[in-house]
């Protein structure tokens, strides 16, 4: 079962968040050979998705970094979204490791 975590993204600012993938005994999962992907949508049923970059930054310690550039977050509409993070072991097994609400906070300063 995926962990539930809420994230906050500030419009017009660089976003990064680190996720540590662990097994049922809280041991880090070695992510060598894995890939990761993440999206957010206005609702579970929305046909349009926004990609959140998901890069494995620590194979041996199960670390994945989610990120968006300031230019990308500037284009987001403020509000609540749903998101998740999937990992693929390269052999066809896909696991949802985290899911939750992504809140985009509006920005005052604009370029």
Protein backbone atom coordinates (compact mmCIF):
# COMPACT_ATOMS: atom_id res chain seq x y z
CA UNK A 1 0.00 0.00 0.00
CA UNK A 2 1.28 3.44 -0.92
CA UNK A 3 2.22 5.95 1.74
CA UNK A 4 0.06 9.08 1.89
CA UNK A 5 1.98 12.37 1.89
CA UNK A 6 0.83 15.91 1.19
CA UNK A 7 3.18 18.22 -0.72
CA UNK A 8 3.16 21.98 -1.21
CA UNK A 9 4.36 23.60 -4.44
CA UNK A 10 4.89 27.35 -4.57
CA UNK A 11 4.00 28.99 -7.89
CA UNK A 12 7.07 30.46 -9.60
CA UNK A 13 9.57 28.75 -7.26
CA UNK A 14 11.73 25.68 -7.74
CA UNK A 15 10.14 22.62 -6.14
CA UNK A 16 12.03 19.61 -4.74
CA UNK A 17 11.00 16.87 -2.38
CA UNK A 18 12.83 13.69 -1.41
CA UNK A 19 11.09 10.34 -0.99
CA UNK A 20 12.78 7.37 0.69
CA UNK A 21 11.39 4.03 -0.50
CA UNK A 22 11.39 1.34 2.20
CA UNK A 23 10.13 -2.21 2.60
CA UNK A 24 7.60 -3.34 5.22
CA UNK A 25 10.42 -3.49 7.82
CA UNK A 26 11.57 0.10 7.12
CA UNK A 27 14.70 -1.04 5.28
CA UNK A 28 15.66 1.01 2.21
CA UNK A 29 14.89 -0.69 -1.10
CA UNK A 30 17.82 -0.85 -3.52
CA UNK A 31 16.55 0.91 -6.64
CA UNK A 32 19.29 -0.24 -9.04
CA UNK A 33 17.60 -1.02 -12.36
CA UNK A 34 14.40 0.80 -11.37
CA UNK A 35 12.81 3.85 -12.97
CA UNK A 36 10.40 6.32 -11.38
CA UNK A 37 7.54 8.48 -12.67
CA UNK A 38 5.18 10.97 -11.10
CA UNK A 39 2.17 13.02 -12.21
CA UNK A 40 -0.39 15.34 -10.70
CA UNK A 41 -3.94 16.05 -11.87
CA UNK A 42 -6.82 18.28 -10.75
CA UNK A 43 -8.80 15.13 -9.98
CA UNK A 44 -8.34 11.38 -10.28
CA UNK A 45 -10.54 11.48 -13.39
CA UNK A 46 -8.89 14.43 -15.16
CA UNK A 47 -7.58 13.60 -18.64
CA UNK A 48 -4.77 16.16 -18.46
CA UNK A 49 -1.72 15.46 -16.33
CA UNK A 50 1.24 17.52 -15.19
CA UNK A 51 4.55 15.69 -14.99
CA UNK A 52 6.63 15.95 -11.85
CA UNK A 53 10.24 14.94 -12.59
CA UNK A 54 11.07 11.81 -10.57
CA UNK A 55 14.76 10.94 -10.47
CA UNK A 56 16.36 8.13 -8.50
CA UNK A 57 19.10 9.96 -6.61
CA UNK A 58 20.20 7.16 -4.29
CA UNK A 59 20.07 3.60 -5.61
CA UNK A 60 21.30 1.87 -2.46
CA UNK A 61 19.27 3.95 0.00
CA UNK A 62 15.99 4.05 -1.97
CA UNK A 63 16.05 7.81 -2.50
CA UNK A 64 13.93 9.48 -5.19
CA UNK A 65 13.83 13.24 -5.75
CA UNK A 66 10.67 14.86 -7.11
CA UNK A 67 11.22 18.24 -8.75
CA UNK A 68 9.80 20.98 -10.95
CA UNK A 69 11.56 24.05 -12.30
CA UNK A 70 10.45 27.56 -11.35
CA UNK A 71 9.29 28.07 -14.95
CA UNK A 72 7.09 24.97 -14.71
CA UNK A 73 5.56 25.89 -11.35
CA UNK A 74 4.84 29.41 -12.63
CA UNK A 75 2.48 27.85 -15.17
CA UNK A 76 0.49 25.92 -12.57
CA UNK A 77 -2.95 27.11 -11.55
CA UNK A 78 -3.12 27.57 -7.78
CA UNK A 79 -5.25 25.00 -5.97
CA UNK A 80 -5.42 21.38 -4.91
CA UNK A 81 -4.31 18.46 -7.04
CA UNK A 82 -3.84 14.72 -6.54
CA UNK A 83 -0.47 13.12 -7.28
CA UNK A 84 1.37 9.85 -7.04
CA UNK A 85 4.83 8.35 -7.52
CA UNK A 86 5.34 5.01 -9.25
CA UNK A 87 8.46 2.84 -9.47
CA UNK A 88 9.09 0.22 -12.15
CA UNK A 89 11.54 -2.60 -11.38
CA UNK A 90 12.40 -3.06 -15.07
CA UNK A 91 10.80 -6.51 -15.15
CA UNK A 92 7.22 -5.28 -15.43
CA UNK A 93 6.31 -4.81 -11.78
CA UNK A 94 5.03 -1.29 -11.12
CA UNK A 95 4.46 -0.16 -7.55
CA UNK A 96 2.81 3.01 -6.29
CA UNK A 97 5.01 4.11 -3.39
CA UNK A 98 3.44 7.43 -2.44
CA UNK A 99 0.24 9.32 -3.19
CA UNK A 100 -1.57 12.32 -1.81
CA UNK A 101 -2.64 15.92 -2.24
CA UNK A 102 -0.41 18.49 -3.92
CA UNK A 103 -1.32 22.06 -2.98
CA UNK A 104 -0.11 24.79 -5.33
CA UNK A 105 0.20 28.10 -3.49
CA UNK A 106 -0.26 31.27 -5.57
CA UNK A 107 2.60 33.70 -6.12
CA UNK A 108 2.47 37.46 -5.87
CA UNK A 109 5.70 38.23 -7.73
CA UNK A 110 5.62 37.62 -11.49
CA UNK A 111 8.23 38.13 -14.19
